[in-house]
Amino acid sequence: MTQQQEPTAANDSELTPIKPVESELLVVTGMSGAGRSTAANALEDQGWFVIENLPPQMLAALAELVSRMPAALPKLAVVVDVRGKALFADIRDSLNALSAAGISYRVLFLDASDDTLVRRFEQGRRPHPLQKDGRITDGIAAERLLLAEMKDQAEMILDTSVMNVHQLGTAVTELFSESGPVVLSLTIMSFGFKYGLPVDANYVADVRFIPNPHWIPQLRPLTGQDEAVSNFVLNDNGAEDFVERFVHMLEPVFDGYRRENKHYATIAVGCTGGKHRSVAVAIELAKRLSQLPRVTTSIRHRDLGRE
């Protein structure tokens, strides 16, 4: 029998420590009609194991199982909705139990405007799960009340009001695709204050201090995407200083987002109608922010094209 040799110091130094496999748990919830199923399909395409309509009471037991065998289910997404209203009432206790057990998780909340949700339910010719004998709007109001706390604690909120299924799938794919180091995906959104604040904005910039091209006859029919309007807006005294300082102010915010494992944020830029100033500044901000390390940007003009 050959005597087994002891490993030498040189052999020890060559040993590479094995990094333990960590599992990811994502809780997907939000308003009925806002696109939970579309988001679930996009996550499955990204390699997530997705469980839909899981009663919240089973969440802690499932998460504990996954934490014991992370290599088998490294990425688990659980879609929770309010169809079982009595069961959903315990969602807070279930999430608290996860935290108490040391199991980390993130919450993705899908939202949409009431008008959009009503239109989607009417087009699908189906009732809202909470409307009972009332109207669709009654069900939406009840669901918003029930989901208010979940929305407040969600790390990521996606407003799908102006998204079709393909755009929502793309947004989820970009948000959860694997791209090496932690990347912060920013949506730079222009909007018009007269149409309301974006519900999913993390920061809102008001650029109504810049002179309005609407009052220049030759610029009125153009938009902030046109060079003439962009030059008029960005060459105004104070506009360049504002953009530079705003980007500088956001840098420590983005560092904090990464430390808190937040990968998605929306920066909204508003003017009166969302056609000239906000569009031009949003484009310039996206250009500047995309130059920051580990930041990707996309641009969305919410109200461009409205009368």
Protein backbone atom coordinates (compact mmCIF):
# COMPACT_ATOMS: atom_id res chain seq x y z
CA MET A 1 0.00 0.00 0.00
CA THR A 2 1.53 3.25 -1.09
CA GLN A 3 1.73 5.92 1.55
CA GLN A 4 -0.30 9.00 0.63
CA GLN A 5 1.84 12.11 0.37
CA GLU A 6 0.97 15.21 2.30
CA PRO A 7 0.28 18.24 0.12
CA THR A 8 3.26 20.60 -0.05
CA ALA A 9 3.14 24.30 0.65
CA ALA A 10 3.50 24.90 -3.07
CA ASN A 11 0.47 22.71 -3.75
CA ASP A 12 -1.49 24.58 -1.10
CA SER A 13 -0.70 27.91 -2.70
CA GLU A 14 -2.00 26.65 -6.04
CA LEU A 15 -5.35 25.59 -4.64
CA THR A 16 -8.15 27.87 -5.81
CA PRO A 17 -10.93 28.41 -3.30
CA ILE A 18 -14.32 27.39 -4.60
CA LYS A 19 -16.83 30.21 -4.47
CA PRO A 20 -20.08 28.96 -3.00
CA VAL A 21 -23.03 29.06 -5.32
CA GLU A 22 -25.58 31.66 -4.27
CA SER A 23 -29.21 31.51 -5.32
CA GLU A 24 -31.28 34.50 -6.38
CA LEU A 25 -34.89 34.92 -5.33
CA LEU A 26 -37.12 37.36 -7.17
CA VAL A 27 -40.70 38.10 -6.13
CA VAL A 28 -42.75 39.37 -9.07
CA THR A 29 -46.02 41.09 -8.27
CA GLY A 30 -48.06 44.09 -9.29
CA MET A 31 -51.36 45.15 -10.75
CA SER A 32 -53.50 42.65 -12.61
CA GLY A 33 -53.24 43.46 -16.29
CA ALA A 34 -49.81 45.11 -15.93
CA GLY A 35 -47.95 42.20 -17.54
CA ARG A 36 -46.91 39.69 -14.89
CA SER A 37 -47.22 36.74 -17.29
CA THR A 38 -45.16 38.50 -19.95
CA ALA A 39 -42.47 39.26 -17.38
CA ALA A 40 -42.52 35.62 -16.23
CA ASN A 41 -41.99 34.41 -19.80
CA ALA A 42 -39.07 36.80 -20.28
CA LEU A 43 -37.48 35.57 -17.05
CA GLU A 44 -37.83 31.95 -18.17
CA ASP A 45 -36.04 32.89 -21.38
CA GLN A 46 -33.19 34.23 -19.21
CA GLY A 47 -32.85 30.88 -17.42
CA TRP A 48 -34.93 31.63 -14.33
CA PHE A 49 -37.07 28.91 -12.78
CA VAL A 50 -40.46 30.59 -12.55
CA ILE A 51 -43.36 29.58 -10.31
CA GLU A 52 -46.62 31.42 -10.93
CA ASN A 53 -49.55 31.95 -8.55
CA LEU A 54 -47.70 30.63 -5.51
CA PRO A 55 -49.63 31.15 -2.24
CA PRO A 56 -47.48 33.50 -0.10
CA GLN A 57 -47.61 31.08 2.81
CA MET A 58 -45.46 28.66 0.78
CA LEU A 59 -42.83 31.27 -0.03
CA ALA A 60 -40.64 30.79 3.04
CA ALA A 61 -40.59 26.99 2.75
CA LEU A 62 -39.73 27.18 -0.93
CA ALA A 63 -36.97 29.73 -0.35
CA GLU A 64 -35.46 27.59 2.41
CA LEU A 65 -35.41 24.60 0.08
CA VAL A 66 -33.67 26.62 -2.61
CA SER A 67 -31.11 27.99 -0.14
CA ARG A 68 -30.14 24.40 0.75
CA MET A 69 -29.58 23.44 -2.89
CA PRO A 70 -28.61 26.65 -4.70
CA ALA A 71 -26.81 24.85 -7.51
CA ALA A 72 -30.05 23.17 -8.56
CA LEU A 73 -32.10 26.38 -8.65
CA PRO A 74 -29.69 29.32 -8.81
CA LYS A 75 -32.33 31.74 -10.09
CA LEU A 76 -35.89 31.42 -8.79
CA ALA A 77 -38.70 33.83 -9.60
CA VAL A 78 -42.03 33.60 -7.80
CA VAL A 79 -45.06 35.38 -9.27
CA VAL A 80 -47.55 36.40 -6.58
CA ASP A 81 -50.93 37.98 -7.31
CA VAL A 82 -54.09 38.89 -5.42
CA ARG A 83 -56.49 36.35 -6.85
CA GLY A 84 -56.40 34.58 -3.51
CA LYS A 85 -57.08 37.73 -1.51
CA ALA A 86 -57.22 35.95 1.85
CA LEU A 87 -53.89 34.27 1.14
CA PHE A 88 -52.26 37.47 -0.13
CA ALA A 89 -53.03 39.21 3.15
CA ASP A 90 -50.17 37.22 4.69
CA ILE A 91 -47.55 38.32 2.14
CA ARG A 92 -45.86 40.72 4.57
CA ASP A 93 -45.43 37.98 7.18
CA SER A 94 -44.03 35.66 4.51
CA LEU A 95 -41.46 38.24 3.39
CA ASN A 96 -40.53 39.01 7.01
CA ALA A 97 -39.94 35.31 7.52
CA LEU A 98 -37.51 35.30 4.59
CA SER A 99 -35.55 38.19 6.08
CA ALA A 100 -35.50 36.56 9.51
CA ALA A 101 -34.09 33.39 7.96
CA GLY A 102 -31.32 35.37 6.28
CA ILE A 103 -32.70 34.71 2.79
CA SER A 104 -32.25 37.72 0.52
CA TYR A 105 -34.79 38.56 -2.15
CA ARG A 106 -35.80 41.34 -4.50
CA VAL A 107 -39.25 42.56 -5.50
CA LEU A 108 -40.22 43.53 -9.05
CA PHE A 109 -43.51 45.46 -9.14
CA LEU A 110 -45.39 45.88 -12.42
CA ASP A 111 -47.74 48.84 -12.63
CA ALA A 112 -49.85 50.70 -15.19
CA SER A 113 -52.26 53.59 -15.20
CA ASP A 114 -55.90 52.96 -14.33
CA ASP A 115 -57.00 53.93 -17.85
CA THR A 116 -54.55 51.44 -19.36
CA LEU A 117 -55.68 48.64 -17.05
CA VAL A 118 -59.35 49.29 -17.79
CA ARG A 119 -58.65 49.22 -21.53
CA ARG A 120 -56.72 45.94 -21.25
CA PHE A 121 -59.47 44.25 -19.28
CA GLU A 122 -62.11 45.49 -21.71
CA GLN A 123 -60.11 44.32 -24.71
CA GLY A 124 -59.67 40.92 -23.08
CA ARG A 125 -63.37 40.82 -22.16
CA ARG A 126 -62.63 39.58 -18.68
CA PRO A 127 -63.44 40.94 -15.23
CA HIS A 128 -60.92 42.22 -12.72
CA PRO A 129 -60.26 39.54 -10.08
CA LEU A 130 -61.36 41.88 -7.25
CA GLN A 131 -64.28 43.74 -8.85
CA LYS A 132 -66.95 41.26 -7.63
CA ASP A 133 -70.31 42.74 -8.65
CA GLY A 134 -68.86 46.21 -9.21
CA ARG A 135 -67.00 47.83 -12.07
CA ILE A 136 -63.47 47.20 -13.30
CA THR A 137 -62.39 50.47 -11.68
CA ASP A 138 -63.67 49.18 -8.32
CA GLY A 139 -61.44 46.13 -8.62
CA ILE A 140 -58.44 48.25 -9.60
CA ALA A 141 -58.94 50.56 -6.62
CA ALA A 142 -59.20 47.60 -4.24
CA GLU A 143 -56.06 46.03 -5.69
CA ARG A 144 -54.05 49.27 -5.42
CA LEU A 145 -54.96 49.50 -1.75
CA LEU A 146 -53.97 45.88 -1.16
CA LEU A 147 -50.66 46.25 -3.03
CA ALA A 148 -49.62 49.66 -1.68
CA GLU A 149 -47.18 48.28 0.87
CA MET A 150 -45.62 45.87 -1.62
CA LYS A 151 -45.07 48.70 -4.08
CA ASP A 152 -43.44 50.85 -1.40
CA GLN A 153 -40.83 48.20 -0.63
CA ALA A 154 -40.18 47.09 -4.22
CA GLU A 155 -36.63 47.62 -5.45
CA MET A 156 -37.82 47.78 -9.06
CA ILE A 157 -41.01 49.28 -10.45
CA LEU A 158 -41.88 48.98 -14.13
CA ASP A 159 -44.67 51.14 -15.51
CA THR A 160 -46.03 49.23 -18.51
CA SER A 161 -48.69 51.77 -19.50
CA VAL A 162 -47.16 52.52 -22.89
CA MET A 163 -45.45 49.15 -23.41
CA ASN A 164 -46.66 46.33 -25.60
CA VAL A 165 -45.77 42.74 -24.74
CA HIS A 166 -42.59 42.86 -26.82
CA GLN A 167 -41.35 46.06 -25.20
CA LEU A 168 -42.06 44.71 -21.72
CA GLY A 169 -40.25 41.48 -22.53
CA THR A 170 -37.26 43.48 -23.74
CA ALA A 171 -37.27 45.63 -20.60
CA VAL A 172 -37.27 42.57 -18.32
CA THR A 173 -34.59 40.88 -20.41
CA GLU A 174 -32.33 43.94 -20.20
CA LEU A 175 -32.95 44.22 -16.49
CA PHE A 176 -32.02 40.64 -15.62
CA SER A 177 -29.55 39.66 -18.33
CA GLU A 178 -26.14 38.53 -17.10
CA SER A 179 -23.49 41.04 -18.12
CA GLY A 180 -20.55 40.50 -15.78
CA PRO A 181 -20.08 43.21 -13.12
CA VAL A 182 -23.14 44.80 -11.61
CA VAL A 183 -24.54 47.11 -14.27
CA LEU A 184 -27.07 49.81 -13.58
CA SER A 185 -29.64 50.03 -16.35
CA LEU A 186 -31.08 53.54 -16.59
CA THR A 187 -34.17 54.62 -18.44
CA ILE A 188 -34.05 58.33 -19.24
CA MET A 189 -37.64 59.40 -19.77
CA SER A 190 -38.93 62.69 -21.12
CA PHE A 191 -42.49 63.66 -20.19
CA GLY A 192 -44.92 66.55 -19.98
CA PHE A 193 -46.07 67.77 -16.57
CA LYS A 194 -49.52 68.51 -17.95
CA TYR A 195 -49.99 64.77 -18.51
CA GLY A 196 -48.96 63.82 -14.97
CA LEU A 197 -45.81 62.59 -13.23
CA PRO A 198 -44.39 59.18 -14.22
CA VAL A 199 -45.29 56.68 -11.51
CA ASP A 200 -42.03 54.74 -11.84
CA ALA A 201 -39.57 57.65 -11.72
CA ASN A 202 -36.77 57.46 -9.15
CA TYR A 203 -35.70 61.05 -9.85
CA VAL A 204 -37.58 63.85 -11.58
CA ALA A 205 -35.87 66.84 -13.17
CA ASP A 206 -37.92 69.93 -14.03
CA VAL A 207 -36.49 71.78 -17.04
CA ARG A 208 -39.27 74.34 -17.38
CA PHE A 209 -36.74 77.00 -16.36
CA ILE A 210 -35.39 76.84 -19.93
CA PRO A 211 -37.16 79.11 -22.48
CA ASN A 212 -39.88 77.20 -24.32
CA PRO A 213 -39.27 76.61 -28.07
CA HIS A 214 -43.05 76.38 -28.42
CA TRP A 215 -43.13 80.16 -28.62
CA ILE A 216 -40.66 80.28 -31.51
CA PRO A 217 -42.79 79.85 -34.69
CA GLN A 218 -40.12 78.02 -36.68
CA LEU A 219 -39.38 75.64 -33.78
CA ARG A 220 -42.94 74.93 -32.65
CA PRO A 221 -43.65 72.09 -35.13
CA LEU A 222 -40.30 70.43 -34.38
CA THR A 223 -39.32 68.30 -31.37
CA GLY A 224 -36.35 68.01 -29.06
CA GLN A 225 -34.99 65.31 -31.37
CA ASP A 226 -34.38 67.94 -34.05
CA GLU A 227 -31.01 69.65 -34.06
CA ALA A 228 -32.47 73.17 -34.20
CA VAL A 229 -34.53 72.62 -31.06
CA SER A 230 -31.70 70.78 -29.28
CA ASN A 231 -29.29 73.64 -29.98
CA PHE A 232 -31.84 76.22 -28.81
CA VAL A 233 -32.44 74.34 -25.54
CA LEU A 234 -28.92 73.25 -24.66
CA ASN A 235 -27.26 76.54 -25.59
CA ASP A 236 -29.45 78.47 -23.18
CA ASN A 237 -27.68 80.02 -20.20
CA GLY A 238 -27.94 77.54 -17.34
CA ALA A 239 -28.88 74.45 -19.38
CA GLU A 240 -25.33 73.15 -19.74
CA ASP A 241 -24.58 73.87 -16.08
CA PHE A 242 -27.76 72.08 -15.04
CA VAL A 243 -26.97 68.94 -17.05
CA GLU A 244 -23.40 68.80 -15.76
CA ARG A 245 -24.40 69.27 -12.11
CA PHE A 246 -27.30 66.83 -12.38
CA VAL A 247 -25.02 64.08 -13.69
CA HIS A 248 -22.48 64.83 -10.94
CA MET A 249 -25.23 64.68 -8.30
CA LEU A 250 -26.40 61.26 -9.55
CA GLU A 251 -22.99 59.55 -9.39
CA PRO A 252 -23.04 58.81 -5.61
CA VAL A 253 -26.70 57.79 -5.94
CA PHE A 254 -25.75 55.17 -8.52
CA ASP A 255 -22.97 53.87 -6.29
CA GLY A 256 -25.52 53.45 -3.52
CA TYR A 257 -27.91 51.64 -5.85
CA ARG A 258 -25.19 49.10 -6.66
CA ARG A 259 -24.41 48.54 -2.99
CA GLU A 260 -28.11 47.90 -2.37
CA ASN A 261 -28.26 45.48 -5.32
CA LYS A 262 -30.55 47.79 -7.29
CA HIS A 263 -30.02 47.35 -11.01
CA TYR A 264 -32.71 49.50 -12.59
CA ALA A 265 -33.69 53.15 -12.22
CA THR A 266 -35.74 55.71 -14.13
CA ILE A 267 -34.64 59.33 -14.43
CA ALA A 268 -37.55 61.46 -15.63
CA VAL A 269 -37.08 64.85 -17.28
CA GLY A 270 -40.17 67.02 -17.55
CA CYS A 271 -41.27 70.16 -19.34
CA THR A 272 -44.76 71.45 -19.99
CA GLY A 273 -45.83 69.20 -22.86
CA GLY A 274 -42.99 66.70 -23.20
CA LYS A 275 -42.17 67.73 -26.78
CA HIS A 276 -39.21 70.14 -26.84
CA ARG A 277 -37.15 70.88 -23.73
CA SER A 278 -37.51 67.59 -21.86
CA VAL A 279 -36.77 65.58 -25.00
CA ALA A 280 -33.59 67.52 -25.80
CA VAL A 281 -32.31 67.39 -22.21
CA ALA A 282 -33.18 63.69 -21.83
CA ILE A 283 -31.14 62.84 -24.92
CA GLU A 284 -28.18 64.85 -23.63
CA LEU A 285 -28.45 63.29 -20.16
CA ALA A 286 -28.52 59.78 -21.63
CA LYS A 287 -25.39 60.60 -23.62
CA ARG A 288 -23.55 61.86 -20.53
CA LEU A 289 -24.75 59.10 -18.18
CA SER A 290 -23.83 56.32 -20.62
CA GLN A 291 -20.20 57.41 -20.23
CA LEU A 292 -20.19 56.53 -16.53
CA PRO A 293 -18.65 53.15 -15.63
CA ARG A 294 -21.04 50.19 -15.44
CA VAL A 295 -24.04 52.23 -16.59
CA THR A 296 -26.24 51.50 -19.57
CA THR A 297 -28.93 53.89 -20.76
CA SER A 298 -32.06 53.76 -22.86
CA ILE A 299 -34.29 56.67 -23.81
CA ARG A 300 -38.07 56.80 -23.69
CA HIS A 301 -40.15 59.81 -24.71
CA ARG A 302 -43.44 59.20 -22.91
CA ASP A 303 -45.50 62.08 -24.29
CA LEU A 304 -43.83 62.77 -27.63
CA GLY A 305 -46.51 62.76 -30.33
CA ARG A 306 -49.37 63.88 -28.11
CA GLU A 307 -51.39 66.83 -29.32
